Amino acid sequence: MEIGFLHSHVAVVTLFLIFLLFKTVLLLSNKKALLEKVRTRFKMVDPILGTLMLVTGGYMLYLYGGSAPIYLWVKLVLVLIIIPIGIVAFKKENKIMATLALLLTLYIYGVSEAGSLTFSKDSEAKSEITVKGDSVELEVTEGMLTNGEKIYLAECKKCHGTDGKKGLFKAPDLTKSELTLEERIAWIKQGKGVMPSYEGKLSADDIKSVAAYIEELK
């Protein structure tokens, strides 16, 4: 169900962007008669899509609970800003406001795709986890576990939960994981499905710390 809401949210944002882009092009090209026909015939499209963006985005915030990432809150606020800007822009045929609404919507779309306010999306998640190199042997220390816990709570808790059992967006139950240490490290590096890659975002030592900490959740 969570995956369905995620895809629905992205689809709604995409449709809103396409419709807004179409109207903005008409306005900027001074095709005001055609724009007026579009606005009259499809006058309910903007409020419907705007409401759906708020509903699906709000539900995702609800699923995340107190650990919802900041970018989701920013998206929600921007949607609340874009809807009235867009309505006023096309009603008054204001090209600057229409362009602003379009740029903000493009930003929201990018944030939705990247899961980041700065578009720092990691490399695409691979459908298969590839383990490279020799077997990994770790001498787990208290400091490593402390570091792993800190990173886990900051990056992984929102989907896996504090105890590893949450399963948001079909995240696997980490307490029942049968992955080897090498596979777990590769999974964190490469990502899979809706889980992003952390290679480049976390250092190699940090990734090993997280992998070691996850082992302690069993």
C-alpha atoms as a PDB file:
ATOM      1  CA  MET A   1       0.000   0.000   0.000  1.00  0.00           C
ATOM      2  CA  GLU A   2       2.832   2.391   0.877  1.00  0.00           C
ATOM      3  CA  ILE A   3       4.523   1.767  -2.484  1.00  0.00           C
ATOM      4  CA  GLY A   4       1.222   2.495  -4.216  1.00  0.00           C
ATOM      5  CA  PHE A   5       0.943   5.852  -2.444  1.00  0.00           C
ATOM      6  CA  LEU A   6       4.534   6.687  -3.328  1.00  0.00           C
ATOM      7  CA  HIS A   7       3.959   5.971  -7.022  1.00  0.00           C
ATOM      8  CA  SER A   8       0.608   7.775  -6.928  1.00  0.00           C
ATOM      9  CA  HIS A   9       2.240  10.839  -5.408  1.00  0.00           C
ATOM     10  CA  VAL A  10       4.941  10.972  -8.079  1.00  0.00           C
ATOM     11  CA  ALA A  11       2.330  10.419 -10.822  1.00  0.00           C
ATOM     12  CA  VAL A  12       0.151  13.272  -9.521  1.00  0.00           C
ATOM     13  CA  VAL A  13       3.128  15.645  -9.300  1.00  0.00           C
ATOM     14  CA  THR A  14       4.073  14.687 -12.874  1.00  0.00           C
ATOM     15  CA  LEU A  15       0.557  15.352 -14.205  1.00  0.00           C
ATOM     16  CA  PHE A  16       0.387  18.669 -12.357  1.00  0.00           C
ATOM     17  CA  LEU A  17       3.755  19.656 -13.841  1.00  0.00           C
ATOM     18  CA  ILE A  18       2.736  18.718 -17.402  1.00  0.00           C
ATOM     19  CA  PHE A  19      -0.543  20.641 -17.178  1.00  0.00           C
ATOM     20  CA  LEU A  20       1.166  23.657 -15.632  1.00  0.00           C
ATOM     21  CA  LEU A  21       3.895  23.568 -18.284  1.00  0.00           C
ATOM     22  CA  PHE A  22       1.282  23.446 -21.062  1.00  0.00           C
ATOM     23  CA  LYS A  23      -0.584  26.466 -19.704  1.00  0.00           C
ATOM     24  CA  THR A  24       2.631  28.393 -19.084  1.00  0.00           C
ATOM     25  CA  VAL A  25       3.775  27.830 -22.673  1.00  0.00           C
ATOM     26  CA  LEU A  26       0.417  29.130 -23.917  1.00  0.00           C
ATOM     27  CA  LEU A  27       0.688  32.195 -21.699  1.00  0.00           C
ATOM     28  CA  LEU A  28       4.292  32.989 -22.614  1.00  0.00           C
ATOM     29  CA  SER A  29       3.519  32.583 -26.321  1.00  0.00           C
ATOM     30  CA  ASN A  30       0.565  34.972 -25.966  1.00  0.00           C
ATOM     31  CA  LYS A  31      -2.007  32.385 -27.057  1.00  0.00           C
ATOM     32  CA  LYS A  32      -4.482  33.833 -24.594  1.00  0.00           C
ATOM     33  CA  ALA A  33      -7.638  32.709 -26.395  1.00  0.00           C
ATOM     34  CA  LEU A  34      -6.534  29.076 -26.344  1.00  0.00           C
ATOM     35  CA  LEU A  35      -5.386  29.423 -22.739  1.00  0.00           C
ATOM     36  CA  GLU A  36      -8.812  30.734 -21.756  1.00  0.00           C
ATOM     37  CA  LYS A  37     -10.492  27.747 -23.443  1.00  0.00           C
ATOM     38  CA  VAL A  38      -8.182  25.351 -21.582  1.00  0.00           C
ATOM     39  CA  ARG A  39      -8.808  27.118 -18.269  1.00  0.00           C
ATOM     40  CA  THR A  40     -12.575  27.046 -18.806  1.00  0.00           C
ATOM     41  CA  ARG A  41     -12.794  23.429 -19.945  1.00  0.00           C
ATOM     42  CA  PHE A  42     -10.334  22.038 -17.382  1.00  0.00           C
ATOM     43  CA  LYS A  43     -10.926  24.474 -14.536  1.00  0.00           C
ATOM     44  CA  MET A  44     -11.156  21.666 -11.953  1.00  0.00           C
ATOM     45  CA  VAL A  45      -7.862  19.991 -12.928  1.00  0.00           C
ATOM     46  CA  ASP A  46      -5.615  22.264 -10.854  1.00  0.00           C
ATOM     47  CA  PRO A  47      -7.586  22.018  -7.582  1.00  0.00           C
ATOM     48  CA  ILE A  48      -8.037  18.254  -7.983  1.00  0.00           C
ATOM     49  CA  LEU A  49      -4.363  17.575  -8.694  1.00  0.00           C
ATOM     50  CA  GLY A  50      -3.312  20.030  -5.987  1.00  0.00           C
ATOM     51  CA  THR A  51      -5.550  18.295  -3.455  1.00  0.00           C
ATOM     52  CA  LEU A  52      -4.241  14.876  -4.492  1.00  0.00           C
ATOM     53  CA  MET A  53      -0.647  16.104  -4.062  1.00  0.00           C
ATOM     54  CA  LEU A  54      -1.478  17.295  -0.555  1.00  0.00           C
ATOM     55  CA  VAL A  55      -3.334  14.097   0.358  1.00  0.00           C
ATOM     56  CA  THR A  56      -0.710  11.672  -0.931  1.00  0.00           C
ATOM     57  CA  GLY A  57       2.156  13.788   0.420  1.00  0.00           C
ATOM     58  CA  GLY A  58       0.417  14.170   3.773  1.00  0.00           C
ATOM     59  CA  TYR A  59      -0.140  10.424   4.001  1.00  0.00           C
ATOM     60  CA  MET A  60       3.542   9.798   3.349  1.00  0.00           C
ATOM     61  CA  LEU A  61       4.367  12.190   6.199  1.00  0.00           C
ATOM     62  CA  TYR A  62       1.963  10.231   8.394  1.00  0.00           C
ATOM     63  CA  LEU A  63       3.691   6.968   7.495  1.00  0.00           C
ATOM     64  CA  TYR A  64       7.087   8.390   8.385  1.00  0.00           C
ATOM     65  CA  GLY A  65       5.786   9.701  11.706  1.00  0.00           C
ATOM     66  CA  GLY A  66       8.228  11.760  13.742  1.00  0.00           C
ATOM     67  CA  SER A  67      11.132  10.661  11.546  1.00  0.00           C
ATOM     68  CA  ALA A  68       9.766  12.272   8.356  1.00  0.00           C
ATOM     69  CA  PRO A  69      12.620  13.851   6.346  1.00  0.00           C
ATOM     70  CA  ILE A  70      12.707  17.626   6.013  1.00  0.00           C
ATOM     71  CA  TYR A  71      12.289  17.530   2.231  1.00  0.00           C
ATOM     72  CA  LEU A  72       8.755  16.119   2.588  1.00  0.00           C
ATOM     73  CA  TRP A  73       7.722  19.015   4.827  1.00  0.00           C
ATOM     74  CA  VAL A  74       9.259  21.514   2.400  1.00  0.00           C
ATOM     75  CA  LYS A  75       7.371  19.901  -0.496  1.00  0.00           C
ATOM     76  CA  LEU A  76       4.098  20.148   1.386  1.00  0.00           C
ATOM     77  CA  VAL A  77       4.631  23.841   2.131  1.00  0.00           C
ATOM     78  CA  LEU A  78       5.598  24.562  -1.493  1.00  0.00           C
ATOM     79  CA  VAL A  79       2.456  22.870  -2.783  1.00  0.00           C
ATOM     80  CA  LEU A  80       0.385  25.118  -0.518  1.00  0.00           C
ATOM     81  CA  ILE A  81       2.227  28.094  -2.058  1.00  0.00           C
ATOM     82  CA  ILE A  82       2.099  26.945  -5.686  1.00  0.00           C
ATOM     83  CA  ILE A  83      -1.662  26.332  -5.891  1.00  0.00           C
ATOM     84  CA  PRO A  84      -2.744  29.941  -5.170  1.00  0.00           C
ATOM     85  CA  ILE A  85       0.158  31.370  -7.213  1.00  0.00           C
ATOM     86  CA  GLY A  86      -0.918  29.304 -10.210  1.00  0.00           C
ATOM     87  CA  ILE A  87      -4.577  30.261  -9.862  1.00  0.00           C
ATOM     88  CA  VAL A  88      -3.780  33.984  -9.668  1.00  0.00           C
ATOM     89  CA  ALA A  89      -1.130  33.798 -12.412  1.00  0.00           C
ATOM     90  CA  PHE A  90      -3.431  32.394 -15.091  1.00  0.00           C
ATOM     91  CA  LYS A  91      -6.459  34.363 -13.981  1.00  0.00           C
ATOM     92  CA  LYS A  92      -4.542  37.639 -14.289  1.00  0.00           C
ATOM     93  CA  GLU A  93      -2.334  36.335 -17.135  1.00  0.00           C
ATOM     94  CA  ASN A  94       0.772  37.160 -15.136  1.00  0.00           C
ATOM     95  CA  LYS A  95       3.763  35.588 -16.884  1.00  0.00           C
ATOM     96  CA  ILE A  96       6.193  36.096 -13.992  1.00  0.00           C
ATOM     97  CA  MET A  97       3.917  34.358 -11.472  1.00  0.00           C
ATOM     98  CA  ALA A  98       3.187  31.525 -13.918  1.00  0.00           C
ATOM     99  CA  THR A  99       6.902  30.998 -14.489  1.00  0.00           C
ATOM    100  CA  LEU A 100       7.518  31.034 -10.743  1.00  0.00           C
ATOM    101  CA  ALA A 101       4.804  28.411 -10.186  1.00  0.00           C
ATOM    102  CA  LEU A 102       6.344  26.264 -12.941  1.00  0.00           C
ATOM    103  CA  LEU A 103       9.863  26.532 -11.506  1.00  0.00           C
ATOM    104  CA  LEU A 104       8.622  25.638  -8.018  1.00  0.00           C
ATOM    105  CA  THR A 105       6.764  22.626  -9.417  1.00  0.00           C
ATOM    106  CA  LEU A 106       9.889  21.517 -11.302  1.00  0.00           C
ATOM    107  CA  TYR A 107      11.774  21.794  -8.033  1.00  0.00           C
ATOM    108  CA  ILE A 108       9.169  19.672  -6.232  1.00  0.00           C
ATOM    109  CA  TYR A 109       9.391  17.046  -8.972  1.00  0.00           C
ATOM    110  CA  GLY A 110      13.176  16.949  -8.672  1.00  0.00           C
ATOM    111  CA  VAL A 111      12.945  16.664  -4.903  1.00  0.00           C
ATOM    112  CA  SER A 112      10.436  13.798  -5.258  1.00  0.00           C
ATOM    113  CA  GLU A 113      12.756  11.921  -7.584  1.00  0.00           C
ATOM    114  CA  ALA A 114      15.963  12.578  -5.647  1.00  0.00           C
ATOM    115  CA  GLY A 115      14.594  12.430  -2.096  1.00  0.00           C
ATOM    116  CA  SER A 116      16.741  15.444  -1.329  1.00  0.00           C
ATOM    117  CA  LEU A 117      16.317  19.231  -1.219  1.00  0.00           C
ATOM    118  CA  THR A 118      19.608  19.615  -3.095  1.00  0.00           C
ATOM    119  CA  PHE A 119      18.938  16.875  -5.693  1.00  0.00           C
ATOM    120  CA  SER A 120      21.837  14.833  -4.314  1.00  0.00           C
ATOM    121  CA  LYS A 121      20.400  11.594  -5.585  1.00  0.00           C
ATOM    122  CA  ASP A 122      22.731   8.652  -5.301  1.00  0.00           C
ATOM    123  CA  SER A 123      23.401   6.323  -8.218  1.00  0.00           C
ATOM    124  CA  GLU A 124      20.412   4.330  -9.383  1.00  0.00           C
ATOM    125  CA  ALA A 125      19.611   1.338  -7.208  1.00  0.00           C
ATOM    126  CA  LYS A 126      20.577  -1.892  -8.878  1.00  0.00           C
ATOM    127  CA  SER A 127      18.081  -4.703  -9.230  1.00  0.00           C
ATOM    128  CA  GLU A 128      20.672  -7.177  -8.006  1.00  0.00           C
ATOM    129  CA  ILE A 129      23.201  -6.777  -5.218  1.00  0.00           C
ATOM    130  CA  THR A 130      26.721  -7.394  -6.463  1.00  0.00           C
ATOM    131  CA  VAL A 131      29.370  -8.384  -3.940  1.00  0.00           C
ATOM    132  CA  LYS A 132      32.864  -7.418  -5.029  1.00  0.00           C
ATOM    133  CA  GLY A 133      36.248  -8.114  -3.590  1.00  0.00           C
ATOM    134  CA  ASP A 134      37.416 -10.456  -0.865  1.00  0.00           C
ATOM    135  CA  SER A 135      35.413 -11.541   2.146  1.00  0.00           C
ATOM    136  CA  VAL A 136      34.909  -8.796   4.679  1.00  0.00           C
ATOM    137  CA  GLU A 137      36.134  -9.429   8.190  1.00  0.00           C
ATOM    138  CA  LEU A 138      35.365  -6.858  10.846  1.00  0.00           C
ATOM    139  CA  GLU A 139      36.633  -6.489  14.325  1.00  0.00           C
ATOM    140  CA  VAL A 140      33.533  -4.920  15.773  1.00  0.00           C
ATOM    141  CA  THR A 141      34.243  -2.353  18.459  1.00  0.00           C
ATOM    142  CA  GLU A 142      31.960  -0.424  20.772  1.00  0.00           C
ATOM    143  CA  GLY A 143      32.831   2.763  18.908  1.00  0.00           C
ATOM    144  CA  MET A 144      31.846   1.178  15.604  1.00  0.00           C
ATOM    145  CA  LEU A 145      28.467   0.112  16.978  1.00  0.00           C
ATOM    146  CA  THR A 146      27.859   3.543  18.474  1.00  0.00           C
ATOM    147  CA  ASN A 147      28.655   5.182  15.138  1.00  0.00           C
ATOM    148  CA  GLY A 148      26.527   2.636  13.279  1.00  0.00           C
ATOM    149  CA  GLU A 149      23.573   3.255  15.583  1.00  0.00           C
ATOM    150  CA  LYS A 150      23.858   7.028  15.116  1.00  0.00           C
ATOM    151  CA  ILE A 151      23.837   6.722  11.329  1.00  0.00           C
ATOM    152  CA  TYR A 152      21.089   4.081  11.359  1.00  0.00           C
ATOM    153  CA  LEU A 153      18.776   6.294  13.417  1.00  0.00           C
ATOM    154  CA  ALA A 154      19.450   9.237  11.105  1.00  0.00           C
ATOM    155  CA  GLU A 155      19.209   7.447   7.745  1.00  0.00           C
ATOM    156  CA  CYS A 156      17.449   4.092   8.148  1.00  0.00           C
ATOM    157  CA  LYS A 157      14.975   4.485  11.004  1.00  0.00           C
ATOM    158  CA  LYS A 158      12.290   6.211   8.926  1.00  0.00           C
ATOM    159  CA  CYS A 159      11.704   3.075   6.820  1.00  0.00           C
ATOM    160  CA  HIS A 160      13.088   0.226   8.936  1.00  0.00           C
ATOM    161  CA  GLY A 161      12.084   1.549  12.356  1.00  0.00           C
ATOM    162  CA  THR A 162      14.169   1.783  15.509  1.00  0.00           C
ATOM    163  CA  ASP A 163      14.114  -1.989  15.972  1.00  0.00           C
ATOM    164  CA  GLY A 164      14.460  -2.885  12.275  1.00  0.00           C
ATOM    165  CA  LYS A 165      10.899  -4.211  12.000  1.00  0.00           C
ATOM    166  CA  LYS A 166       8.935  -1.224  10.671  1.00  0.00           C
ATOM    167  CA  GLY A 167       8.822  -2.227   6.996  1.00  0.00           C
ATOM    168  CA  LEU A 168       7.750   1.105   5.488  1.00  0.00           C
ATOM    169  CA  PHE A 169       7.665   0.993   1.646  1.00  0.00           C
ATOM    170  CA  LYS A 170       8.158  -2.792   1.877  1.00  0.00           C
ATOM    171  CA  ALA A 171      11.476  -2.396   3.698  1.00  0.00           C
ATOM    172  CA  PRO A 172      12.552  -5.885   4.850  1.00  0.00           C
ATOM    173  CA  ASP A 173      12.512  -6.895   8.510  1.00  0.00           C
ATOM    174  CA  LEU A 174      16.193  -6.526   9.420  1.00  0.00           C
ATOM    175  CA  THR A 175      15.844  -8.775  12.446  1.00  0.00           C
ATOM    176  CA  LYS A 176      15.142 -11.692  10.095  1.00  0.00           C
ATOM    177  CA  SER A 177      17.748 -10.844   7.479  1.00  0.00           C
ATOM    178  CA  GLU A 178      19.884 -13.734   6.265  1.00  0.00           C
ATOM    179  CA  LEU A 179      22.327 -11.529   4.359  1.00  0.00           C
ATOM    180  CA  THR A 180      26.007 -12.061   4.970  1.00  0.00           C
ATOM    181  CA  LEU A 181      28.120  -9.116   6.095  1.00  0.00           C
ATOM    182  CA  GLU A 182      29.485  -8.707   2.557  1.00  0.00           C
ATOM    183  CA  GLU A 183      25.957  -8.719   1.084  1.00  0.00           C
ATOM    184  CA  ARG A 184      24.699  -6.224   3.656  1.00  0.00           C
ATOM    185  CA  ILE A 185      27.577  -3.836   2.934  1.00  0.00           C
ATOM    186  CA  ALA A 186      26.947  -4.188  -0.816  1.00  0.00           C
ATOM    187  CA  TRP A 187      23.222  -3.536  -0.292  1.00  0.00           C
ATOM    188  CA  ILE A 188      23.903  -0.342   1.646  1.00  0.00           C
ATOM    189  CA  LYS A 189      26.391   0.808  -0.992  1.00  0.00           C
ATOM    190  CA  GLN A 190      24.266   0.032  -4.045  1.00  0.00           C
ATOM    191  CA  GLY A 191      20.712   0.410  -2.779  1.00  0.00           C
ATOM    192  CA  LYS A 192      17.742  -1.519  -4.112  1.00  0.00           C
ATOM    193  CA  GLY A 193      14.158  -0.656  -5.024  1.00  0.00           C
ATOM    194  CA  VAL A 194      13.156   2.558  -3.236  1.00  0.00           C
ATOM    195  CA  MET A 195      16.199   2.349  -0.978  1.00  0.00           C
ATOM    196  CA  PRO A 196      18.890   4.759  -2.224  1.00  0.00           C
ATOM    197  CA  SER A 197      22.568   4.005  -2.645  1.00  0.00           C
ATOM    198  CA  TYR A 198      24.781   5.337   0.137  1.00  0.00           C
ATOM    199  CA  GLU A 199      28.062   4.955  -1.716  1.00  0.00           C
ATOM    200  CA  GLY A 200      29.561   8.430  -1.813  1.00  0.00           C
ATOM    201  CA  LYS A 201      27.156   9.662   0.849  1.00  0.00           C
ATOM    202  CA  LEU A 202      28.672   7.562   3.637  1.00  0.00           C
ATOM    203  CA  SER A 203      32.310   6.627   3.996  1.00  0.00           C
ATOM    204  CA  ALA A 204      33.376   2.990   3.696  1.00  0.00           C
ATOM    205  CA  ASP A 205      33.921   2.858   7.469  1.00  0.00           C
ATOM    206  CA  ASP A 206      30.483   4.333   8.133  1.00  0.00           C
ATOM    207  CA  ILE A 207      28.840   1.749   5.882  1.00  0.00           C
ATOM    208  CA  LYS A 208      30.655  -1.043   7.721  1.00  0.00           C
ATOM    209  CA  SER A 209      29.543   0.457  11.037  1.00  0.00           C
ATOM    210  CA  VAL A 210      25.906   0.456   9.919  1.00  0.00           C
ATOM    211  CA  ALA A 211      26.203  -3.114   8.645  1.00  0.00           C
ATOM    212  CA  ALA A 212      27.686  -4.189  11.993  1.00  0.00           C
ATOM    213  CA  TYR A 213      24.966  -2.389  13.942  1.00  0.00           C
ATOM    214  CA  ILE A 214      22.197  -4.028  11.874  1.00  0.00           C
ATOM    215  CA  GLU A 215      23.643  -7.394  12.847  1.00  0.00           C
ATOM    216  CA  GLU A 216      23.024  -6.425  16.477  1.00  0.00           C
ATOM    217  CA  LEU A 217      19.303  -5.965  15.770  1.00  0.00           C
ATOM    218  CA  LYS A 218      18.803  -9.691  15.292  1.00  0.00           C
END
